[in-house]
Amino acid sequence: MSITREMIQFFIDKGRRWSGCRYDGMYGYQCADVTCMGVYKFFGARLWGNAIDLLRSAEAAGLQVVYEAQYPKSWLVLR
């Protein structure tokens, strides 16, 4: 399985189980914790902060951030 498919399946499984995560151990379950955990699990980069900080922390971790990327309008649907 490709890393892309594995990562997508990881998030789908978490959504189906209604399970959150406490990636940073602070303030309970937060939306950014799931993203930070996924990036660490699949790319080894530790991100920090809340959702507003994710792009800045990704750049600081050495990840490429593309601000004007073209992407499908709906690539992930959560039920």
N, C-alpha and C. Protein backbone atom coordinates (compact mmCIF):
# COMPACT_ATOMS: atom_id res chain seq x y z
N MET A 1 0.85 -1.18 0.00
CA MET A 1 0.00 0.00 0.00
C MET A 1 0.89 1.24 0.00
N SER A 2 0.54 2.22 -0.79
CA SER A 2 1.32 3.45 -0.85
C SER A 2 1.13 4.25 0.44
N ILE A 3 2.07 5.12 0.72
CA ILE A 3 1.98 5.92 1.95
C ILE A 3 0.75 6.84 1.91
N THR A 4 0.39 7.30 0.71
CA THR A 4 -0.80 8.15 0.59
C THR A 4 -2.05 7.38 0.97
N ARG A 5 -2.21 6.20 0.42
CA ARG A 5 -3.39 5.37 0.73
C ARG A 5 -3.39 4.96 2.21
N GLU A 6 -2.21 4.64 2.74
CA GLU A 6 -2.12 4.25 4.14
C GLU A 6 -2.53 5.40 5.06
N MET A 7 -2.09 6.61 4.72
CA MET A 7 -2.42 7.78 5.53
C MET A 7 -3.92 8.09 5.45
N ILE A 8 -4.49 8.02 4.24
CA ILE A 8 -5.92 8.26 4.08
C ILE A 8 -6.71 7.23 4.88
N GLN A 9 -6.30 5.97 4.80
CA GLN A 9 -6.99 4.91 5.55
C GLN A 9 -6.88 5.13 7.05
N PHE A 10 -5.74 5.61 7.51
CA PHE A 10 -5.54 5.92 8.93
C PHE A 10 -6.58 6.93 9.41
N PHE A 11 -6.77 8.01 8.63
CA PHE A 11 -7.73 9.04 9.03
C PHE A 11 -9.17 8.55 8.91
N ILE A 12 -9.46 7.77 7.89
CA ILE A 12 -10.81 7.20 7.74
C ILE A 12 -11.12 6.31 8.94
N ASP A 13 -10.18 5.45 9.32
CA ASP A 13 -10.38 4.56 10.46
C ASP A 13 -10.61 5.33 11.75
N LYS A 14 -9.85 6.41 11.97
CA LYS A 14 -10.04 7.23 13.17
C LYS A 14 -11.44 7.85 13.16
N GLY A 15 -11.87 8.32 12.01
CA GLY A 15 -13.20 8.92 11.90
C GLY A 15 -14.30 7.91 12.14
N ARG A 16 -14.15 6.71 11.61
CA ARG A 16 -15.17 5.68 11.79
C ARG A 16 -15.28 5.23 13.24
N ARG A 17 -14.16 5.26 13.95
CA ARG A 17 -14.17 4.85 15.36
C ARG A 17 -14.55 6.01 16.28
N TRP A 18 -14.72 7.20 15.72
CA TRP A 18 -14.97 8.40 16.51
C TRP A 18 -13.90 8.56 17.59
N SER A 19 -12.66 8.24 17.23
CA SER A 19 -11.58 8.32 18.22
C SER A 19 -10.69 9.51 17.92
N GLY A 20 -10.48 10.30 18.91
CA GLY A 20 -9.57 11.43 18.78
C GLY A 20 -8.19 11.01 19.24
N CYS A 21 -7.33 11.97 19.40
CA CYS A 21 -6.01 11.68 19.95
C CYS A 21 -5.53 12.91 20.72
N ARG A 22 -4.66 12.68 21.65
CA ARG A 22 -4.06 13.77 22.41
C ARG A 22 -2.59 13.79 22.08
N TYR A 23 -2.26 14.29 20.90
CA TYR A 23 -0.90 14.27 20.39
C TYR A 23 0.07 15.02 21.30
N ASP A 24 -0.31 16.22 21.70
CA ASP A 24 0.60 17.03 22.52
C ASP A 24 0.30 16.94 24.02
N GLY A 25 -0.77 16.24 24.40
CA GLY A 25 -1.10 16.08 25.80
C GLY A 25 -1.67 17.32 26.46
N MET A 26 -1.99 18.33 25.68
CA MET A 26 -2.50 19.59 26.23
C MET A 26 -3.95 19.82 25.83
N TYR A 27 -4.73 20.33 26.73
CA TYR A 27 -6.09 20.83 26.48
C TYR A 27 -7.03 19.79 25.87
N GLY A 28 -6.88 18.54 26.18
CA GLY A 28 -7.80 17.51 25.68
C GLY A 28 -7.61 17.25 24.20
N TYR A 29 -8.69 16.77 23.56
CA TYR A 29 -8.65 16.46 22.14
C TYR A 29 -8.91 17.72 21.33
N GLN A 30 -8.01 18.05 20.43
CA GLN A 30 -8.18 19.22 19.57
C GLN A 30 -8.04 18.78 18.11
N CYS A 31 -8.63 19.56 17.21
CA CYS A 31 -8.62 19.19 15.79
C CYS A 31 -7.19 19.09 15.25
N ALA A 32 -6.31 19.95 15.68
CA ALA A 32 -4.94 19.94 15.16
C ALA A 32 -4.16 18.73 15.64
N ASP A 33 -4.56 18.12 16.75
CA ASP A 33 -3.85 16.94 17.26
C ASP A 33 -3.86 15.79 16.26
N VAL A 34 -4.99 15.57 15.59
CA VAL A 34 -5.08 14.47 14.63
C VAL A 34 -4.14 14.73 13.45
N THR A 35 -4.14 15.97 12.95
CA THR A 35 -3.25 16.32 11.84
C THR A 35 -1.79 16.18 12.25
N CYS A 36 -1.44 16.70 13.41
CA CYS A 36 -0.05 16.62 13.88
C CYS A 36 0.38 15.17 14.06
N MET A 37 -0.50 14.34 14.60
CA MET A 37 -0.19 12.94 14.81
C MET A 37 0.03 12.22 13.47
N GLY A 38 -0.83 12.50 12.49
CA GLY A 38 -0.69 11.89 11.17
C GLY A 38 0.60 12.29 10.48
N VAL A 39 0.95 13.56 10.54
CA VAL A 39 2.19 14.03 9.91
C VAL A 39 3.39 13.38 10.60
N TYR A 40 3.36 13.27 11.91
CA TYR A 40 4.47 12.63 12.62
C TYR A 40 4.56 11.14 12.29
N LYS A 41 3.41 10.47 12.30
CA LYS A 41 3.37 9.02 12.06
C LYS A 41 3.88 8.67 10.65
N PHE A 42 3.51 9.46 9.65
CA PHE A 42 3.85 9.10 8.27
C PHE A 42 5.05 9.83 7.70
N PHE A 43 5.42 11.00 8.27
CA PHE A 43 6.54 11.76 7.72
C PHE A 43 7.63 12.07 8.74
N GLY A 44 7.39 11.76 10.02
CA GLY A 44 8.41 11.96 11.04
C GLY A 44 8.65 13.40 11.45
N ALA A 45 7.79 14.32 11.02
CA ALA A 45 7.96 15.73 11.36
C ALA A 45 7.02 16.09 12.51
N ARG A 46 7.55 16.71 13.54
CA ARG A 46 6.73 17.13 14.69
C ARG A 46 6.22 18.55 14.45
N LEU A 47 4.90 18.68 14.40
CA LEU A 47 4.28 19.99 14.26
C LEU A 47 3.82 20.47 15.63
N TRP A 48 3.62 21.76 15.77
CA TRP A 48 3.23 22.33 17.05
C TRP A 48 2.12 23.36 16.84
N GLY A 49 1.47 23.70 17.91
CA GLY A 49 0.47 24.77 17.89
C GLY A 49 -0.91 24.28 17.53
N ASN A 50 -1.79 25.24 17.35
CA ASN A 50 -3.17 24.97 16.95
C ASN A 50 -3.28 25.02 15.43
N ALA A 51 -4.49 24.89 14.92
CA ALA A 51 -4.70 24.85 13.47
C ALA A 51 -4.11 26.08 12.78
N ILE A 52 -4.19 27.23 13.40
CA ILE A 52 -3.69 28.46 12.78
C ILE A 52 -2.16 28.42 12.62
N ASP A 53 -1.49 27.59 13.41
CA ASP A 53 -0.02 27.52 13.38
C ASP A 53 0.53 26.40 12.49
N LEU A 54 -0.33 25.55 11.93
CA LEU A 54 0.16 24.35 11.27
C LEU A 54 1.08 24.62 10.08
N LEU A 55 0.76 25.58 9.23
CA LEU A 55 1.62 25.85 8.08
C LEU A 55 2.98 26.39 8.52
N ARG A 56 2.96 27.27 9.50
CA ARG A 56 4.21 27.82 10.02
C ARG A 56 5.07 26.73 10.66
N SER A 57 4.45 25.85 11.42
CA SER A 57 5.21 24.79 12.08
C SER A 57 5.70 23.75 11.07
N ALA A 58 4.93 23.52 10.00
CA ALA A 58 5.36 22.60 8.95
C ALA A 58 6.61 23.14 8.25
N GLU A 59 6.61 24.43 7.95
CA GLU A 59 7.80 25.04 7.34
C GLU A 59 9.00 24.95 8.27
N ALA A 60 8.79 25.22 9.56
CA ALA A 60 9.88 25.15 10.53
C ALA A 60 10.42 23.72 10.66
N ALA A 61 9.56 22.72 10.40
CA ALA A 61 9.99 21.32 10.49
C ALA A 61 10.66 20.84 9.21
N GLY A 62 10.75 21.73 8.21
CA GLY A 62 11.41 21.36 6.96
C GLY A 62 10.50 20.78 5.90
N LEU A 63 9.19 20.83 6.12
CA LEU A 63 8.26 20.33 5.12
C LEU A 63 8.00 21.42 4.08
N GLN A 64 7.73 21.01 2.85
CA GLN A 64 7.41 21.97 1.81
C GLN A 64 5.94 22.37 1.94
N VAL A 65 5.68 23.65 2.02
CA VAL A 65 4.31 24.16 2.11
C VAL A 65 4.02 24.91 0.82
N VAL A 66 2.96 24.51 0.13
CA VAL A 66 2.57 25.14 -1.13
C VAL A 66 1.29 25.91 -0.87
N TYR A 67 1.37 27.23 -0.91
CA TYR A 67 0.22 28.06 -0.54
C TYR A 67 -0.81 28.17 -1.65
N GLU A 68 -0.40 28.14 -2.90
CA GLU A 68 -1.33 28.31 -4.01
C GLU A 68 -1.54 27.01 -4.77
N ALA A 69 -1.57 25.89 -4.07
CA ALA A 69 -1.70 24.58 -4.70
C ALA A 69 -3.10 24.38 -5.29
N GLN A 70 -3.15 23.69 -6.41
CA GLN A 70 -4.43 23.30 -7.00
C GLN A 70 -4.78 21.94 -6.43
N TYR A 71 -5.96 21.77 -5.93
CA TYR A 71 -6.38 20.51 -5.34
C TYR A 71 -7.85 20.28 -5.65
N PRO A 72 -8.29 19.05 -5.58
CA PRO A 72 -9.72 18.78 -5.80
C PRO A 72 -10.57 19.52 -4.77
N LYS A 73 -11.73 19.95 -5.16
CA LYS A 73 -12.59 20.70 -4.25
C LYS A 73 -13.02 19.86 -3.06
N SER A 74 -13.18 18.57 -3.24
CA SER A 74 -13.54 17.69 -2.13
C SER A 74 -12.75 16.40 -2.26
N TRP A 75 -11.70 16.26 -1.49
CA TRP A 75 -10.89 15.05 -1.59
C TRP A 75 -11.05 14.15 -0.41
N LEU A 76 -11.68 14.61 0.66
CA LEU A 76 -11.91 13.78 1.83
C LEU A 76 -13.30 14.12 2.38
N VAL A 77 -14.11 13.12 2.49
CA VAL A 77 -15.46 13.32 2.99
C VAL A 77 -15.61 12.55 4.29
N LEU A 78 -15.99 13.23 5.34
CA LEU A 78 -16.21 12.58 6.64
C LEU A 78 -17.71 12.45 6.86
N ARG A 79 -18.12 11.32 7.40
CA ARG A 79 -19.54 11.16 7.67
C ARG A 79 -19.80 11.36 9.15
